[in-house]
Amino acid sequence: ISLKQTNPVVIASPSPSTGWSLEQNNHLSTTHWVTPPEHLEHDGTNNFITITPPTGNLFFRLKQ
């Protein structure tokens, strides 16, 4: 996870990540993990999404 100069956040994982999916949740105490709405992109080395920093919390995980 990295913050860019223009303020978007990039969440990345190595590519290929066969069998793994990115999920997000705004509360760690709940089980409501969902696929982020942003389009998954590839740069040849990583899979990544770019998001605007949210108001409040937003947690991410890779799930197999």
Protein backbone atom coordinates (compact mmCIF):
# COMPACT_ATOMS: atom_id res chain seq x y z
CA ILE A 1 0.00 0.00 0.00
CA SER A 2 1.50 3.33 -1.00
CA LEU A 3 0.45 6.98 -1.09
CA LYS A 4 1.21 8.88 -4.30
CA GLN A 5 2.12 12.58 -4.55
CA THR A 6 -1.27 13.51 -6.03
CA ASN A 7 -3.03 11.88 -3.01
CA PRO A 8 -4.38 8.58 -4.44
CA VAL A 9 -3.55 5.35 -2.65
CA VAL A 10 -2.26 2.31 -4.56
CA ILE A 11 -2.90 -1.19 -3.19
CA ALA A 12 -0.68 -3.70 -5.01
CA SER A 13 0.26 -7.38 -4.89
CA PRO A 14 2.71 -9.39 -7.02
CA SER A 15 1.48 -10.62 -10.39
CA PRO A 16 0.45 -13.26 -11.08
CA SER A 17 -1.41 -13.94 -7.84
CA THR A 18 -3.29 -16.99 -9.06
CA GLY A 19 -6.00 -18.05 -6.64
CA TRP A 20 -5.83 -14.86 -4.55
CA SER A 21 -8.46 -12.11 -4.47
CA LEU A 22 -8.38 -8.64 -2.94
CA GLU A 23 -11.13 -7.80 -0.45
CA GLN A 24 -12.00 -4.72 1.60
CA ASN A 25 -13.96 -3.99 4.77
CA ASN A 26 -14.46 -0.78 6.76
CA HIS A 27 -14.71 -2.63 10.13
CA LEU A 28 -12.32 -5.37 11.25
CA SER A 29 -14.89 -6.62 13.75
CA THR A 30 -17.37 -7.67 11.02
CA THR A 31 -17.27 -10.40 8.39
CA HIS A 32 -18.52 -8.18 5.56
CA TRP A 33 -15.48 -8.44 3.26
CA VAL A 34 -16.26 -7.44 -0.34
CA THR A 35 -14.39 -7.08 -3.61
CA PRO A 36 -13.31 -3.44 -4.11
CA PRO A 37 -15.34 -1.65 -6.83
CA GLU A 38 -12.17 -0.28 -8.48
CA HIS A 39 -10.90 -2.01 -11.63
CA LEU A 40 -7.91 -4.31 -11.00
CA GLU A 41 -5.00 -3.21 -13.19
CA HIS A 42 -1.73 -4.92 -14.18
CA ASP A 43 1.66 -3.34 -14.88
CA GLY A 44 3.54 -6.55 -15.76
CA THR A 45 4.93 -6.89 -12.22
CA ASN A 46 1.97 -6.14 -9.93
CA ASN A 47 -1.81 -6.30 -9.78
CA PHE A 48 -3.11 -3.05 -8.28
CA ILE A 49 -6.03 -0.73 -7.67
CA THR A 50 -5.90 3.02 -7.14
CA ILE A 51 -8.31 4.62 -4.67
CA THR A 52 -8.98 8.04 -3.20
CA PRO A 53 -8.15 7.99 0.52
CA PRO A 54 -11.44 7.29 2.32
CA THR A 55 -12.97 9.20 5.19
CA GLY A 56 -12.68 6.80 8.10
CA ASN A 57 -11.16 3.33 8.00
CA LEU A 58 -10.81 0.94 5.10
CA PHE A 59 -8.99 -2.37 5.51
CA PHE A 60 -7.73 -4.71 2.76
CA ARG A 61 -6.75 -8.36 2.64
CA LEU A 62 -5.74 -10.97 0.09
CA LYS A 63 -7.83 -14.11 0.40
CA GLN A 64 -7.15 -17.49 -1.18
